[in-house]
């Protein structure tokens, strides 16, 4: 199994979206690359901890390659926005791709470069090694499964597309 950390605005929708993709085996919402230990949601929302709402995506690279996951990720965000996605504003809603495996960096950079052709503004999505990650409180985990009418910045059409996308057969 491989792991990538994706910050795409509100982590509820980002987690729900990636859970639908064939080859993703586990997701955890949390806070990445901040400057304190064990932050709470309230602290992250205070805009003082510099954490990004992030989803840890564990996936089987034999079923879904990283480049494909990143292409799916870019469908859900505006990578040119700084510190916001959809209706959510604040540094915790910035976009970012955080990696543990240095070998993933070139794949990520290629995906970002490809994405940059679609925009006239520069890509603002952070690309950097994972500094730290803390799982969010339990009520945030699988939030949209527990609260199907909860807020989600990702369109139902994209969620459906993710569910129907079969990348590589078992």
C-alpha atoms as a PDB file:
ATOM      1  CA  UNK A   1       0.000   0.000   0.000  1.00  0.00           C
ATOM      2  CA  UNK A   2       1.019   3.586  -0.688  1.00  0.00           C
ATOM      3  CA  UNK A   3      -0.072   6.792   1.025  1.00  0.00           C
ATOM      4  CA  UNK A   4      -0.549  10.341  -0.210  1.00  0.00           C
ATOM      5  CA  UNK A   5      -1.931  13.328   1.708  1.00  0.00           C
ATOM      6  CA  UNK A   6      -4.318  15.634  -0.150  1.00  0.00           C
ATOM      7  CA  UNK A   7      -5.601  18.991   1.065  1.00  0.00           C
ATOM      8  CA  UNK A   8      -8.527  20.108  -1.043  1.00  0.00           C
ATOM      9  CA  UNK A   9     -10.613  22.500   1.019  1.00  0.00           C
ATOM     10  CA  UNK A  10     -13.117  21.001   3.442  1.00  0.00           C
ATOM     11  CA  UNK A  11     -11.922  17.500   4.240  1.00  0.00           C
ATOM     12  CA  UNK A  12     -15.422  16.025   4.531  1.00  0.00           C
ATOM     13  CA  UNK A  13     -16.049  16.131   0.804  1.00  0.00           C
ATOM     14  CA  UNK A  14     -12.486  15.295  -0.173  1.00  0.00           C
ATOM     15  CA  UNK A  15     -12.562  12.164   1.973  1.00  0.00           C
ATOM     16  CA  UNK A  16     -15.962  11.080   0.681  1.00  0.00           C
ATOM     17  CA  UNK A  17     -14.840  11.552  -2.911  1.00  0.00           C
ATOM     18  CA  UNK A  18     -11.636   9.527  -2.572  1.00  0.00           C
ATOM     19  CA  UNK A  19     -13.401   6.714  -0.730  1.00  0.00           C
ATOM     20  CA  UNK A  20     -15.378   6.101  -3.922  1.00  0.00           C
ATOM     21  CA  UNK A  21     -12.325   5.455  -6.116  1.00  0.00           C
ATOM     22  CA  UNK A  22     -11.464   1.851  -6.913  1.00  0.00           C
ATOM     23  CA  UNK A  23      -8.092   1.039  -5.363  1.00  0.00           C
ATOM     24  CA  UNK A  24      -8.377   3.439  -2.418  1.00  0.00           C
ATOM     25  CA  UNK A  25      -8.344   1.206   0.637  1.00  0.00           C
ATOM     26  CA  UNK A  26      -8.522   3.670   3.513  1.00  0.00           C
ATOM     27  CA  UNK A  27      -8.983   7.374   4.210  1.00  0.00           C
ATOM     28  CA  UNK A  28      -8.455   9.449   7.320  1.00  0.00           C
ATOM     29  CA  UNK A  29      -9.285  13.138   7.695  1.00  0.00           C
ATOM     30  CA  UNK A  30      -6.895  15.260   9.663  1.00  0.00           C
ATOM     31  CA  UNK A  31      -4.575  18.199   9.848  1.00  0.00           C
ATOM     32  CA  UNK A  32      -1.247  18.382   8.001  1.00  0.00           C
ATOM     33  CA  UNK A  33       1.908  20.465   8.025  1.00  0.00           C
ATOM     34  CA  UNK A  34       1.154  22.771  10.919  1.00  0.00           C
ATOM     35  CA  UNK A  35       3.216  24.160  13.749  1.00  0.00           C
ATOM     36  CA  UNK A  36       1.734  22.637  16.926  1.00  0.00           C
ATOM     37  CA  UNK A  37       1.163  19.140  18.277  1.00  0.00           C
ATOM     38  CA  UNK A  38      -2.240  17.431  18.419  1.00  0.00           C
ATOM     39  CA  UNK A  39      -4.347  20.372  17.230  1.00  0.00           C
ATOM     40  CA  UNK A  40      -8.081  20.498  17.714  1.00  0.00           C
ATOM     41  CA  UNK A  41     -10.528  21.533  15.017  1.00  0.00           C
ATOM     42  CA  UNK A  42     -11.128  24.809  16.839  1.00  0.00           C
ATOM     43  CA  UNK A  43      -7.389  25.550  16.932  1.00  0.00           C
ATOM     44  CA  UNK A  44      -7.006  24.760  13.233  1.00  0.00           C
ATOM     45  CA  UNK A  45      -9.942  27.064  12.422  1.00  0.00           C
ATOM     46  CA  UNK A  46      -8.333  29.874  14.448  1.00  0.00           C
ATOM     47  CA  UNK A  47      -5.834  30.322  11.584  1.00  0.00           C
ATOM     48  CA  UNK A  48      -2.903  30.279  14.026  1.00  0.00           C
ATOM     49  CA  UNK A  49      -1.631  26.704  13.674  1.00  0.00           C
ATOM     50  CA  UNK A  50      -0.983  26.740   9.892  1.00  0.00           C
ATOM     51  CA  UNK A  51      -2.528  23.277   9.468  1.00  0.00           C
ATOM     52  CA  UNK A  52      -4.391  22.343   6.298  1.00  0.00           C
ATOM     53  CA  UNK A  53      -7.498  20.176   6.412  1.00  0.00           C
ATOM     54  CA  UNK A  54      -6.093  17.083   4.720  1.00  0.00           C
ATOM     55  CA  UNK A  55      -7.082  13.549   3.807  1.00  0.00           C
ATOM     56  CA  UNK A  56      -4.636  10.686   4.181  1.00  0.00           C
ATOM     57  CA  UNK A  57      -5.365   8.432   1.207  1.00  0.00           C
ATOM     58  CA  UNK A  58      -4.050   4.891   1.381  1.00  0.00           C
ATOM     59  CA  UNK A  59      -4.227   3.137  -1.961  1.00  0.00           C
ATOM     60  CA  UNK A  60      -3.164   0.026  -3.835  1.00  0.00           C
ATOM     61  CA  UNK A  61      -0.895   1.288  -6.587  1.00  0.00           C
ATOM     62  CA  UNK A  62      -1.537  -1.904  -8.563  1.00  0.00           C
ATOM     63  CA  UNK A  63      -5.167  -0.832  -8.869  1.00  0.00           C
ATOM     64  CA  UNK A  64      -4.823   2.942  -9.031  1.00  0.00           C
ATOM     65  CA  UNK A  65      -1.577   4.783  -9.816  1.00  0.00           C
ATOM     66  CA  UNK A  66      -0.685   8.021  -8.040  1.00  0.00           C
ATOM     67  CA  UNK A  67      -0.822  10.069 -11.248  1.00  0.00           C
ATOM     68  CA  UNK A  68      -4.438   8.978 -11.765  1.00  0.00           C
ATOM     69  CA  UNK A  69      -5.360   9.869  -8.167  1.00  0.00           C
ATOM     70  CA  UNK A  70      -3.859  13.307  -8.691  1.00  0.00           C
ATOM     71  CA  UNK A  71      -5.833  13.829 -11.887  1.00  0.00           C
ATOM     72  CA  UNK A  72      -8.980  12.928  -9.940  1.00  0.00           C
ATOM     73  CA  UNK A  73      -7.919  15.326  -7.157  1.00  0.00           C
ATOM     74  CA  UNK A  74      -7.538  18.240  -9.555  1.00  0.00           C
ATOM     75  CA  UNK A  75     -11.119  17.737 -10.736  1.00  0.00           C
ATOM     76  CA  UNK A  76     -12.331  18.701  -7.248  1.00  0.00           C
ATOM     77  CA  UNK A  77     -10.362  21.890  -6.626  1.00  0.00           C
ATOM     78  CA  UNK A  78      -9.465  25.232  -8.116  1.00  0.00           C
ATOM     79  CA  UNK A  79      -5.686  24.961  -7.772  1.00  0.00           C
ATOM     80  CA  UNK A  80      -5.209  28.692  -8.393  1.00  0.00           C
ATOM     81  CA  UNK A  81      -7.098  29.804  -5.270  1.00  0.00           C
ATOM     82  CA  UNK A  82      -5.097  30.712  -2.191  1.00  0.00           C
ATOM     83  CA  UNK A  83      -6.466  29.778   1.244  1.00  0.00           C
ATOM     84  CA  UNK A  84      -9.953  28.897   0.042  1.00  0.00           C
ATOM     85  CA  UNK A  85     -12.039  26.366  -1.844  1.00  0.00           C
ATOM     86  CA  UNK A  86     -15.686  26.850  -2.631  1.00  0.00           C
ATOM     87  CA  UNK A  87     -17.401  28.726   0.178  1.00  0.00           C
ATOM     88  CA  UNK A  88     -14.645  27.888   2.669  1.00  0.00           C
ATOM     89  CA  UNK A  89     -12.064  30.568   3.399  1.00  0.00           C
ATOM     90  CA  UNK A  90      -8.971  30.430   5.608  1.00  0.00           C
ATOM     91  CA  UNK A  91      -5.490  28.946   5.445  1.00  0.00           C
ATOM     92  CA  UNK A  92      -6.818  25.580   6.655  1.00  0.00           C
ATOM     93  CA  UNK A  93      -8.654  25.293   3.314  1.00  0.00           C
ATOM     94  CA  UNK A  94      -5.579  25.733   1.120  1.00  0.00           C
ATOM     95  CA  UNK A  95      -4.789  23.031  -1.387  1.00  0.00           C
ATOM     96  CA  UNK A  96      -1.756  20.830  -0.984  1.00  0.00           C
ATOM     97  CA  UNK A  97      -0.201  17.551  -1.944  1.00  0.00           C
ATOM     98  CA  UNK A  98       2.034  16.163   0.791  1.00  0.00           C
ATOM     99  CA  UNK A  99       4.157  13.089   0.288  1.00  0.00           C
ATOM    100  CA  UNK A 100       6.217  10.729   2.460  1.00  0.00           C
ATOM    101  CA  UNK A 101       7.971   8.873  -0.351  1.00  0.00           C
ATOM    102  CA  UNK A 102      10.535  11.034  -2.162  1.00  0.00           C
ATOM    103  CA  UNK A 103       9.944   8.913  -5.286  1.00  0.00           C
ATOM    104  CA  UNK A 104       6.420  10.367  -5.478  1.00  0.00           C
ATOM    105  CA  UNK A 105       7.719  13.925  -5.883  1.00  0.00           C
ATOM    106  CA  UNK A 106       8.442  13.610  -9.626  1.00  0.00           C
ATOM    107  CA  UNK A 107       4.982  12.133 -10.277  1.00  0.00           C
ATOM    108  CA  UNK A 108       3.364  14.956  -8.332  1.00  0.00           C
ATOM    109  CA  UNK A 109       5.384  17.606 -10.140  1.00  0.00           C
ATOM    110  CA  UNK A 110       4.403  16.091 -13.510  1.00  0.00           C
ATOM    111  CA  UNK A 111       0.714  16.136 -12.532  1.00  0.00           C
ATOM    112  CA  UNK A 112       0.921  19.763 -11.374  1.00  0.00           C
ATOM    113  CA  UNK A 113       2.740  20.767 -14.564  1.00  0.00           C
ATOM    114  CA  UNK A 114       0.071  19.097 -16.680  1.00  0.00           C
ATOM    115  CA  UNK A 115      -2.664  20.820 -14.701  1.00  0.00           C
ATOM    116  CA  UNK A 116      -1.031  24.235 -15.109  1.00  0.00           C
ATOM    117  CA  UNK A 117      -1.852  24.241 -18.837  1.00  0.00           C
ATOM    118  CA  UNK A 118      -5.555  24.520 -17.988  1.00  0.00           C
ATOM    119  CA  UNK A 119      -5.201  27.838 -16.130  1.00  0.00           C
ATOM    120  CA  UNK A 120      -3.948  31.306 -16.910  1.00  0.00           C
ATOM    121  CA  UNK A 121      -3.226  31.967 -13.214  1.00  0.00           C
ATOM    122  CA  UNK A 122      -0.383  30.145 -11.475  1.00  0.00           C
ATOM    123  CA  UNK A 123      -1.047  26.951  -9.535  1.00  0.00           C
ATOM    124  CA  UNK A 124      -1.173  27.722  -5.804  1.00  0.00           C
ATOM    125  CA  UNK A 125      -1.372  24.106  -4.617  1.00  0.00           C
ATOM    126  CA  UNK A 126       1.468  23.347  -2.215  1.00  0.00           C
ATOM    127  CA  UNK A 127       3.709  20.406  -3.043  1.00  0.00           C
ATOM    128  CA  UNK A 128       5.991  19.401  -0.194  1.00  0.00           C
ATOM    129  CA  UNK A 129       7.031  16.550   2.032  1.00  0.00           C
ATOM    130  CA  UNK A 130       4.673  15.694   4.851  1.00  0.00           C
ATOM    131  CA  UNK A 131       5.927  17.388   8.007  1.00  0.00           C
ATOM    132  CA  UNK A 132       3.210  16.068  10.317  1.00  0.00           C
ATOM    133  CA  UNK A 133      -0.319  14.727  10.258  1.00  0.00           C
ATOM    134  CA  UNK A 134      -2.806  14.423  13.088  1.00  0.00           C
ATOM    135  CA  UNK A 135      -6.101  12.599  12.670  1.00  0.00           C
ATOM    136  CA  UNK A 136      -9.106  14.846  13.194  1.00  0.00           C
ATOM    137  CA  UNK A 137     -11.659  14.205  15.888  1.00  0.00           C
ATOM    138  CA  UNK A 138     -13.818  11.103  15.434  1.00  0.00           C
ATOM    139  CA  UNK A 139     -16.940  13.056  14.487  1.00  0.00           C
ATOM    140  CA  UNK A 140     -15.103  14.299  11.376  1.00  0.00           C
ATOM    141  CA  UNK A 141     -14.177  10.786  10.187  1.00  0.00           C
ATOM    142  CA  UNK A 142     -16.543   9.512   7.468  1.00  0.00           C
ATOM    143  CA  UNK A 143     -18.632  12.618   8.142  1.00  0.00           C
ATOM    144  CA  UNK A 144     -20.711  12.473   4.957  1.00  0.00           C
ATOM    145  CA  UNK A 145     -21.475   8.776   5.513  1.00  0.00           C
ATOM    146  CA  UNK A 146     -22.820   9.685   8.961  1.00  0.00           C
ATOM    147  CA  UNK A 147     -24.492  12.896   7.722  1.00  0.00           C
ATOM    148  CA  UNK A 148     -25.550  12.340   4.088  1.00  0.00           C
ATOM    149  CA  UNK A 149     -27.066  15.813   3.777  1.00  0.00           C
ATOM    150  CA  UNK A 150     -23.959  17.482   5.227  1.00  0.00           C
ATOM    151  CA  UNK A 151     -21.995  20.183   3.441  1.00  0.00           C
ATOM    152  CA  UNK A 152     -19.840  19.078   0.518  1.00  0.00           C
ATOM    153  CA  UNK A 153     -18.054  21.390  -1.909  1.00  0.00           C
ATOM    154  CA  UNK A 154     -17.654  18.562  -4.446  1.00  0.00           C
ATOM    155  CA  UNK A 155     -20.548  18.134  -6.856  1.00  0.00           C
ATOM    156  CA  UNK A 156     -22.683  14.974  -6.722  1.00  0.00           C
ATOM    157  CA  UNK A 157     -21.758  14.377 -10.367  1.00  0.00           C
ATOM    158  CA  UNK A 158     -18.044  14.161  -9.481  1.00  0.00           C
ATOM    159  CA  UNK A 159     -18.801  11.847  -6.553  1.00  0.00           C
ATOM    160  CA  UNK A 160     -20.761   9.597  -8.915  1.00  0.00           C
ATOM    161  CA  UNK A 161     -17.971   9.674 -11.486  1.00  0.00           C
ATOM    162  CA  UNK A 162     -15.424   8.679  -8.820  1.00  0.00           C
ATOM    163  CA  UNK A 163     -17.639   5.764  -7.776  1.00  0.00           C
ATOM    164  CA  UNK A 164     -17.989   4.560 -11.356  1.00  0.00           C
ATOM    165  CA  UNK A 165     -14.330   4.938 -12.258  1.00  0.00           C
ATOM    166  CA  UNK A 166     -12.588   1.592 -12.415  1.00  0.00           C
ATOM    167  CA  UNK A 167      -8.934   2.144 -13.170  1.00  0.00           C
ATOM    168  CA  UNK A 168      -7.304  -1.262 -13.157  1.00  0.00           C
ATOM    169  CA  UNK A 169      -9.119  -4.558 -12.656  1.00  0.00           C
ATOM    170  CA  UNK A 170      -8.420  -6.806  -9.675  1.00  0.00           C
END
